[in-house]
Amino acid sequence: MALIKRMLALDGVNVVCHFRDDGSLAEGYGLLQHHEMVQLAKFAHHYRRMVQGNADQLSMFTGMRGWTPPRGWVVRGQRQSACCVANIVCIVDNDEGRLNEILEEMQEVARW
């Protein structure tokens, strides 16, 4: 069994994907169709690059380091959130999931 698949056992996690450094889908599990997981992986890759670019600009303008989210990012919607740590992204139901628990598990899985 794929290591990231264990993320689906957490309350509220509906989809989990692992993507490569170029944004292509390495593996994905959950309630989305394959082509939707491909799009989620691309979104997470592009969003991470955008956040990194903004953090680099803030560092340059302010002369201070540490703007980049060190453990990942979360985009919270009304019903669902997208969470990303390293090259792992998941979709979480806001009513059912506990983001802190999910992000901690994502950090653990990302180490492997």
Protein backbone atom coordinates (compact mmCIF):
# COMPACT_ATOMS: atom_id res chain seq x y z
CA MET A 1 0.00 0.00 0.00
CA ALA A 2 1.27 3.46 -0.86
CA LEU A 3 2.37 5.47 2.14
CA ILE A 4 0.30 8.51 1.22
CA LYS A 5 -2.84 6.40 0.97
CA ARG A 6 -2.90 6.20 4.78
CA MET A 7 -3.86 9.89 4.74
CA LEU A 8 -7.35 8.84 3.63
CA ALA A 9 -7.88 7.23 7.05
CA LEU A 10 -7.88 10.69 8.66
CA ASP A 11 -11.27 12.27 9.24
CA GLY A 12 -12.16 14.73 6.51
CA VAL A 13 -9.45 13.82 3.99
CA ASN A 14 -11.21 13.18 0.69
CA VAL A 15 -8.27 13.22 -1.73
CA VAL A 16 -4.51 12.92 -1.40
CA CYS A 17 -1.97 13.24 -4.20
CA HIS A 18 1.78 13.03 -4.48
CA PHE A 19 3.26 15.11 -7.30
CA ARG A 20 6.70 15.29 -8.87
CA ASP A 21 8.91 18.38 -8.90
CA ASP A 22 7.59 19.27 -12.37
CA GLY A 23 3.97 19.19 -11.12
CA SER A 24 3.00 15.90 -12.74
CA LEU A 25 0.93 13.45 -10.71
CA ALA A 26 2.98 10.62 -9.21
CA GLU A 27 0.06 8.95 -7.39
CA GLY A 28 -3.36 9.93 -6.16
CA TYR A 29 -6.17 8.42 -4.09
CA GLY A 30 -9.65 9.46 -3.08
CA LEU A 31 -12.89 10.88 -4.41
CA LEU A 32 -11.64 12.71 -7.52
CA GLN A 33 -11.34 11.29 -11.01
CA HIS A 34 -7.80 10.74 -12.29
CA HIS A 35 -7.86 13.80 -14.57
CA GLU A 36 -9.01 15.93 -11.61
CA MET A 37 -6.10 14.63 -9.52
CA VAL A 38 -3.75 15.59 -12.36
CA GLN A 39 -5.18 19.12 -12.21
CA LEU A 40 -4.91 19.22 -8.40
CA ALA A 41 -1.23 18.24 -8.62
CA LYS A 42 -0.59 20.99 -11.18
CA PHE A 43 -2.45 23.51 -9.02
CA ALA A 44 -0.42 22.59 -5.93
CA HIS A 45 2.84 22.81 -7.85
CA HIS A 46 1.99 26.22 -9.35
CA TYR A 47 0.66 27.56 -6.07
CA ARG A 48 3.82 26.51 -4.25
CA ARG A 49 5.95 28.25 -6.88
CA MET A 50 3.83 31.40 -6.59
CA VAL A 51 4.12 31.43 -2.80
CA GLN A 52 7.89 30.90 -3.06
CA GLY A 53 8.20 33.77 -5.55
CA ASN A 54 6.21 36.10 -3.30
CA ALA A 55 8.30 35.07 -0.30
CA ASP A 56 11.50 35.74 -2.23
CA GLN A 57 10.25 39.23 -3.15
CA LEU A 58 9.32 39.99 0.46
CA SER A 59 12.77 38.90 1.57
CA MET A 60 14.37 41.11 -1.05
CA PHE A 61 12.25 44.19 -0.25
CA THR A 62 12.44 43.89 3.53
CA GLY A 63 15.91 42.45 3.92
CA MET A 64 14.42 39.84 6.25
CA ARG A 65 14.45 36.10 5.72
CA GLY A 66 11.84 33.53 6.71
CA TRP A 67 8.82 34.55 4.66
CA THR A 68 8.34 31.16 3.05
CA PRO A 69 5.88 28.90 4.88
CA PRO A 70 8.31 26.37 6.35
CA ARG A 71 5.84 23.50 6.55
CA GLY A 72 3.51 24.11 3.64
CA TRP A 73 0.33 26.03 2.94
CA VAL A 74 -3.45 25.83 3.27
CA VAL A 75 -6.09 27.43 1.05
CA ARG A 76 -9.33 27.38 3.01
CA GLY A 77 -12.64 27.47 1.20
CA GLN A 78 -16.14 27.59 2.63
CA ARG A 79 -16.59 23.79 2.60
CA GLN A 80 -13.20 22.36 1.71
CA SER A 81 -9.53 23.22 2.05
CA ALA A 82 -6.47 22.34 0.02
CA CYS A 83 -3.41 21.53 2.14
CA CYS A 84 0.10 21.01 0.82
CA VAL A 85 3.31 19.90 2.50
CA ALA A 86 6.36 19.19 0.33
CA ASN A 87 5.01 17.36 -2.75
CA ILE A 88 1.84 16.08 -1.10
CA VAL A 89 -1.51 17.82 -1.47
CA CYS A 90 -4.86 16.85 -0.03
CA ILE A 91 -8.45 18.07 -0.08
CA VAL A 92 -10.11 18.22 3.32
CA ASP A 93 -13.76 18.60 4.30
CA ASN A 94 -13.75 21.55 6.73
CA ASP A 95 -16.57 20.14 8.88
CA GLU A 96 -14.96 16.75 9.35
CA GLY A 97 -11.21 17.32 9.26
CA ARG A 98 -8.83 18.67 11.88
CA LEU A 99 -6.23 20.65 9.96
CA ASN A 100 -3.50 20.50 12.61
CA GLU A 101 -3.71 16.72 12.79
CA ILE A 102 -3.77 16.43 9.00
CA LEU A 103 -0.79 18.76 8.51
CA GLU A 104 1.22 16.85 11.13
CA GLU A 105 0.50 13.58 9.35
CA MET A 106 1.41 15.16 5.99
CA GLN A 107 4.76 16.24 7.44
CA GLU A 108 5.41 12.70 8.61
CA VAL A 109 4.46 11.18 5.26
CA ALA A 110 6.54 13.77 3.37
CA ARG A 111 9.66 12.66 5.23
CA TRP A 112 9.45 9.27 3.54
